[in-house]
C-alpha atoms as a PDB file:
ATOM      1  CA  UNK A   1     -19.240  56.744 105.658  1.00  0.00           C
ATOM      2  CA  UNK A   2     -20.274  55.137 102.541  1.00  0.00           C
ATOM      3  CA  UNK A   3     -23.725  55.824 100.870  1.00  0.00           C
ATOM      4  CA  UNK A   4     -26.032  53.514  99.005  1.00  0.00           C
ATOM      5  CA  UNK A   5     -28.668  54.431  96.429  1.00  0.00           C
ATOM      6  CA  UNK A   6     -32.253  54.078  97.439  1.00  0.00           C
ATOM      7  CA  UNK A   7     -35.406  53.814  95.353  1.00  0.00           C
ATOM      8  CA  UNK A   8     -35.876  57.692  95.727  1.00  0.00           C
ATOM      9  CA  UNK A   9     -32.181  58.527  94.634  1.00  0.00           C
ATOM     10  CA  UNK A  10     -31.363  59.783  98.165  1.00  0.00           C
ATOM     11  CA  UNK A  11     -28.362  58.271 100.000  1.00  0.00           C
ATOM     12  CA  UNK A  12     -28.608  56.298 102.961  1.00  0.00           C
ATOM     13  CA  UNK A  13     -25.834  55.564 105.099  1.00  0.00           C
ATOM     14  CA  UNK A  14     -24.542  52.095 104.850  1.00  0.00           C
ATOM     15  CA  UNK A  15     -25.526  49.650 107.542  1.00  0.00           C
ATOM     16  CA  UNK A  16     -28.872  51.424 107.725  1.00  0.00           C
ATOM     17  CA  UNK A  17     -31.946  49.258 108.526  1.00  0.00           C
ATOM     18  CA  UNK A  18     -33.324  47.320 105.482  1.00  0.00           C
ATOM     19  CA  UNK A  19     -36.920  48.446 105.775  1.00  0.00           C
ATOM     20  CA  UNK A  20     -39.186  50.397 108.293  1.00  0.00           C
ATOM     21  CA  UNK A  21     -42.255  52.018 107.852  1.00  0.00           C
ATOM     22  CA  UNK A  22     -40.701  55.793 108.222  1.00  0.00           C
ATOM     23  CA  UNK A  23     -37.771  55.374 105.748  1.00  0.00           C
ATOM     24  CA  UNK A  24     -37.030  53.832 102.507  1.00  0.00           C
ATOM     25  CA  UNK A  25     -35.441  50.533 102.348  1.00  0.00           C
ATOM     26  CA  UNK A  26     -31.508  50.409 102.007  1.00  0.00           C
ATOM     27  CA  UNK A  27     -31.285  49.258  98.576  1.00  0.00           C
ATOM     28  CA  UNK A  28     -28.156  47.280  97.073  1.00  0.00           C
ATOM     29  CA  UNK A  29     -26.063  49.292  94.692  1.00  0.00           C
ATOM     30  CA  UNK A  30     -23.639  51.920  94.192  1.00  0.00           C
ATOM     31  CA  UNK A  31     -23.591  55.434  92.670  1.00  0.00           C
ATOM     32  CA  UNK A  32     -21.256  54.053  90.175  1.00  0.00           C
ATOM     33  CA  UNK A  33     -24.033  51.649  89.040  1.00  0.00           C
ATOM     34  CA  UNK A  34     -26.858  54.324  89.058  1.00  0.00           C
ATOM     35  CA  UNK A  35     -26.588  54.674  85.213  1.00  0.00           C
ATOM     36  CA  UNK A  36     -27.633  50.865  84.846  1.00  0.00           C
ATOM     37  CA  UNK A  37     -30.561  50.996  87.271  1.00  0.00           C
ATOM     38  CA  UNK A  38     -34.182  51.562  86.443  1.00  0.00           C
ATOM     39  CA  UNK A  39     -36.069  53.466  88.855  1.00  0.00           C
ATOM     40  CA  UNK A  40     -39.910  54.481  88.842  1.00  0.00           C
ATOM     41  CA  UNK A  41     -42.934  54.655  90.650  1.00  0.00           C
ATOM     42  CA  UNK A  42     -46.533  53.152  89.949  1.00  0.00           C
ATOM     43  CA  UNK A  43     -49.849  54.356  91.380  1.00  0.00           C
ATOM     44  CA  UNK A  44     -52.295  51.476  92.202  1.00  0.00           C
ATOM     45  CA  UNK A  45     -55.177  53.724  92.442  1.00  0.00           C
ATOM     46  CA  UNK A  46     -54.739  56.010  89.786  1.00  0.00           C
ATOM     47  CA  UNK A  47     -57.051  59.258  89.816  1.00  0.00           C
ATOM     48  CA  UNK A  48     -58.306  58.728  86.344  1.00  0.00           C
ATOM     49  CA  UNK A  49     -60.560  56.125  87.547  1.00  0.00           C
ATOM     50  CA  UNK A  50     -59.472  53.142  85.271  1.00  0.00           C
ATOM     51  CA  UNK A  51     -59.435  50.806  88.208  1.00  0.00           C
ATOM     52  CA  UNK A  52     -62.881  51.512  89.367  1.00  0.00           C
ATOM     53  CA  UNK A  53     -62.755  50.544  93.217  1.00  0.00           C
ATOM     54  CA  UNK A  54     -59.794  51.660  95.005  1.00  0.00           C
ATOM     55  CA  UNK A  55     -57.792  48.691  96.848  1.00  0.00           C
ATOM     56  CA  UNK A  56     -55.537  48.660  99.875  1.00  0.00           C
ATOM     57  CA  UNK A  57     -52.022  48.572 100.171  1.00  0.00           C
ATOM     58  CA  UNK A  58     -52.304  44.986 101.120  1.00  0.00           C
ATOM     59  CA  UNK A  59     -54.268  43.866  97.964  1.00  0.00           C
ATOM     60  CA  UNK A  60     -51.913  45.899  95.937  1.00  0.00           C
ATOM     61  CA  UNK A  61     -48.945  43.956  97.373  1.00  0.00           C
ATOM     62  CA  UNK A  62     -50.841  40.688  96.368  1.00  0.00           C
ATOM     63  CA  UNK A  63     -51.368  41.921  92.936  1.00  0.00           C
ATOM     64  CA  UNK A  64     -47.744  42.993  92.561  1.00  0.00           C
ATOM     65  CA  UNK A  65     -46.364  39.455  93.880  1.00  0.00           C
ATOM     66  CA  UNK A  66     -49.161  37.950  91.205  1.00  0.00           C
ATOM     67  CA  UNK A  67     -47.450  40.150  88.636  1.00  0.00           C
ATOM     68  CA  UNK A  68     -43.997  39.094  89.501  1.00  0.00           C
ATOM     69  CA  UNK A  69     -44.996  35.403  89.278  1.00  0.00           C
ATOM     70  CA  UNK A  70     -46.772  35.835  85.847  1.00  0.00           C
ATOM     71  CA  UNK A  71     -43.849  37.499  84.349  1.00  0.00           C
ATOM     72  CA  UNK A  72     -41.602  34.628  85.425  1.00  0.00           C
ATOM     73  CA  UNK A  73     -43.648  32.594  82.977  1.00  0.00           C
ATOM     74  CA  UNK A  74     -42.971  35.151  80.148  1.00  0.00           C
ATOM     75  CA  UNK A  75     -39.286  35.515  81.302  1.00  0.00           C
ATOM     76  CA  UNK A  76     -38.408  38.288  78.734  1.00  0.00           C
ATOM     77  CA  UNK A  77     -34.531  37.636  79.628  1.00  0.00           C
ATOM     78  CA  UNK A  78     -34.634  33.990  80.711  1.00  0.00           C
ATOM     79  CA  UNK A  79     -33.523  35.270  84.182  1.00  0.00           C
ATOM     80  CA  UNK A  80     -35.465  33.109  86.880  1.00  0.00           C
ATOM     81  CA  UNK A  81     -37.137  35.214  89.738  1.00  0.00           C
ATOM     82  CA  UNK A  82     -37.683  34.368  93.334  1.00  0.00           C
ATOM     83  CA  UNK A  83     -38.930  36.432  96.206  1.00  0.00           C
ATOM     84  CA  UNK A  84     -35.858  36.981  98.341  1.00  0.00           C
ATOM     85  CA  UNK A  85     -37.442  39.124 101.078  1.00  0.00           C
ATOM     86  CA  UNK A  86     -40.818  40.386 101.826  1.00  0.00           C
ATOM     87  CA  UNK A  87     -42.431  42.579 104.702  1.00  0.00           C
ATOM     88  CA  UNK A  88     -45.711  44.576 104.781  1.00  0.00           C
ATOM     89  CA  UNK A  89     -44.037  47.528 102.904  1.00  0.00           C
ATOM     90  CA  UNK A  90     -41.295  46.012 100.651  1.00  0.00           C
ATOM     91  CA  UNK A  91     -40.392  43.346  98.175  1.00  0.00           C
ATOM     92  CA  UNK A  92     -36.975  42.253  96.863  1.00  0.00           C
ATOM     93  CA  UNK A  93     -36.945  39.937  94.204  1.00  0.00           C
ATOM     94  CA  UNK A  94     -33.827  38.168  92.773  1.00  0.00           C
ATOM     95  CA  UNK A  95     -33.586  37.458  89.028  1.00  0.00           C
ATOM     96  CA  UNK A  96     -30.883  34.765  88.568  1.00  0.00           C
ATOM     97  CA  UNK A  97     -29.489  34.443  84.950  1.00  0.00           C
ATOM     98  CA  UNK A  98     -28.946  30.902  83.338  1.00  0.00           C
ATOM     99  CA  UNK A  99     -25.473  29.414  84.244  1.00  0.00           C
ATOM    100  CA  UNK A 100     -22.677  30.373  81.872  1.00  0.00           C
ATOM    101  CA  UNK A 101     -19.825  27.969  81.765  1.00  0.00           C
ATOM    102  CA  UNK A 102     -16.443  28.438  80.137  1.00  0.00           C
ATOM    103  CA  UNK A 103     -13.066  26.763  80.096  1.00  0.00           C
ATOM    104  CA  UNK A 104      -9.949  28.377  81.520  1.00  0.00           C
ATOM    105  CA  UNK A 105      -7.165  26.346  79.814  1.00  0.00           C
ATOM    106  CA  UNK A 106      -7.654  22.826  81.982  1.00  0.00           C
ATOM    107  CA  UNK A 107     -10.589  23.902  84.208  1.00  0.00           C
ATOM    108  CA  UNK A 108     -14.123  24.732  84.007  1.00  0.00           C
ATOM    109  CA  UNK A 109     -15.807  27.539  85.480  1.00  0.00           C
ATOM    110  CA  UNK A 110     -19.306  28.804  85.667  1.00  0.00           C
ATOM    111  CA  UNK A 111     -20.707  32.302  86.243  1.00  0.00           C
ATOM    112  CA  UNK A 112     -24.361  33.136  87.310  1.00  0.00           C
ATOM    113  CA  UNK A 113     -25.630  36.967  87.324  1.00  0.00           C
ATOM    114  CA  UNK A 114     -28.102  38.162  89.854  1.00  0.00           C
ATOM    115  CA  UNK A 115     -30.428  41.355  89.387  1.00  0.00           C
ATOM    116  CA  UNK A 116     -32.335  42.793  92.015  1.00  0.00           C
ATOM    117  CA  UNK A 117     -35.690  44.376  91.690  1.00  0.00           C
ATOM    118  CA  UNK A 118     -37.158  46.159  94.797  1.00  0.00           C
ATOM    119  CA  UNK A 119     -40.535  47.504  95.631  1.00  0.00           C
ATOM    120  CA  UNK A 120     -41.452  49.702  98.348  1.00  0.00           C
ATOM    121  CA  UNK A 121     -44.690  51.180  99.683  1.00  0.00           C
ATOM    122  CA  UNK A 122     -43.948  54.283 101.108  1.00  0.00           C
ATOM    123  CA  UNK A 123     -45.884  55.424 104.478  1.00  0.00           C
ATOM    124  CA  UNK A 124     -48.902  57.602 104.375  1.00  0.00           C
ATOM    125  CA  UNK A 125     -52.081  57.787 102.385  1.00  0.00           C
ATOM    126  CA  UNK A 126     -50.806  57.784  98.681  1.00  0.00           C
ATOM    127  CA  UNK A 127     -51.326  54.582  96.656  1.00  0.00           C
ATOM    128  CA  UNK A 128     -47.708  54.671  95.345  1.00  0.00           C
ATOM    129  CA  UNK A 129     -45.163  51.909  94.911  1.00  0.00           C
ATOM    130  CA  UNK A 130     -41.547  52.919  94.261  1.00  0.00           C
ATOM    131  CA  UNK A 131     -39.174  50.384  92.370  1.00  0.00           C
ATOM    132  CA  UNK A 132     -35.694  50.017  91.547  1.00  0.00           C
ATOM    133  CA  UNK A 133     -34.095  47.355  89.162  1.00  0.00           C
ATOM    134  CA  UNK A 134     -30.285  46.974  89.225  1.00  0.00           C
ATOM    135  CA  UNK A 135     -27.643  44.460  88.106  1.00  0.00           C
ATOM    136  CA  UNK A 136     -25.401  43.464  90.812  1.00  0.00           C
ATOM    137  CA  UNK A 137     -22.505  42.553  88.301  1.00  0.00           C
ATOM    138  CA  UNK A 138     -21.816  46.204  87.401  1.00  0.00           C
ATOM    139  CA  UNK A 139     -22.082  47.922  84.210  1.00  0.00           C
ATOM    140  CA  UNK A 140     -23.096  46.038  81.203  1.00  0.00           C
ATOM    141  CA  UNK A 141     -26.624  44.243  81.480  1.00  0.00           C
ATOM    142  CA  UNK A 142     -27.646  44.082  77.982  1.00  0.00           C
ATOM    143  CA  UNK A 143     -30.941  45.846  78.620  1.00  0.00           C
ATOM    144  CA  UNK A 144     -32.270  43.069  80.709  1.00  0.00           C
ATOM    145  CA  UNK A 145     -33.443  45.350  83.598  1.00  0.00           C
ATOM    146  CA  UNK A 146     -35.045  47.798  81.084  1.00  0.00           C
ATOM    147  CA  UNK A 147     -36.880  44.912  79.615  1.00  0.00           C
ATOM    148  CA  UNK A 148     -37.810  43.299  82.869  1.00  0.00           C
ATOM    149  CA  UNK A 149     -39.198  46.529  84.205  1.00  0.00           C
ATOM    150  CA  UNK A 150     -41.123  47.180  80.943  1.00  0.00           C
ATOM    151  CA  UNK A 151     -42.907  43.447  81.280  1.00  0.00           C
ATOM    152  CA  UNK A 152     -43.610  44.322  85.129  1.00  0.00           C
ATOM    153  CA  UNK A 153     -45.061  47.635  84.307  1.00  0.00           C
ATOM    154  CA  UNK A 154     -47.265  46.644  81.223  1.00  0.00           C
ATOM    155  CA  UNK A 155     -48.578  43.686  83.443  1.00  0.00           C
ATOM    156  CA  UNK A 156     -49.412  46.143  86.278  1.00  0.00           C
ATOM    157  CA  UNK A 157     -50.865  48.612  83.932  1.00  0.00           C
ATOM    158  CA  UNK A 158     -53.358  45.695  82.802  1.00  0.00           C
ATOM    159  CA  UNK A 159     -54.573  45.510  86.211  1.00  0.00           C
ATOM    160  CA  UNK A 160     -55.426  49.266  86.452  1.00  0.00           C
ATOM    161  CA  UNK A 161     -52.035  50.478  87.898  1.00  0.00           C
ATOM    162  CA  UNK A 162     -50.755  53.869  86.164  1.00  0.00           C
ATOM    163  CA  UNK A 163     -47.294  55.462  86.090  1.00  0.00           C
ATOM    164  CA  UNK A 164     -46.566  58.198  88.384  1.00  0.00           C
ATOM    165  CA  UNK A 165     -43.921  61.009  87.567  1.00  0.00           C
ATOM    166  CA  UNK A 166     -40.517  59.598  87.484  1.00  0.00           C
ATOM    167  CA  UNK A 167     -38.308  60.424  90.467  1.00  0.00           C
END
């Protein structure tokens, strides 16, 4: 049975449920593309008290959606994001590249790349969000995922979020 990469780097059997309260989402990707995937965790109620009053998971989800929308305006990579899926513990954002066109002798073809950024709020009392950003197209993304995650991370940090140890 084939396995897929999940946000915490553990394989989940292909065909598993996309999201539930007891298991991480079945994220798109393969072991082959793992090296071009950015994975991390953020704490929306860090222990250092930078936020002041702690917020709920629901409030953190709202802040996350707001940040995704805000980073849309800055577009560090000119990809256009849209929320493709959202549940009470999971958000998947698809980032689409500008359309590239080129000619093959007598024809004209277009190519558009899509990257996925996924956020998962694991069950339990910890104020953690796990995230993953990966290119669907394979091996070269010209650091688009790295730049995108950095912009998202910095925007969340300005709202009081903090980094957790990497997975």
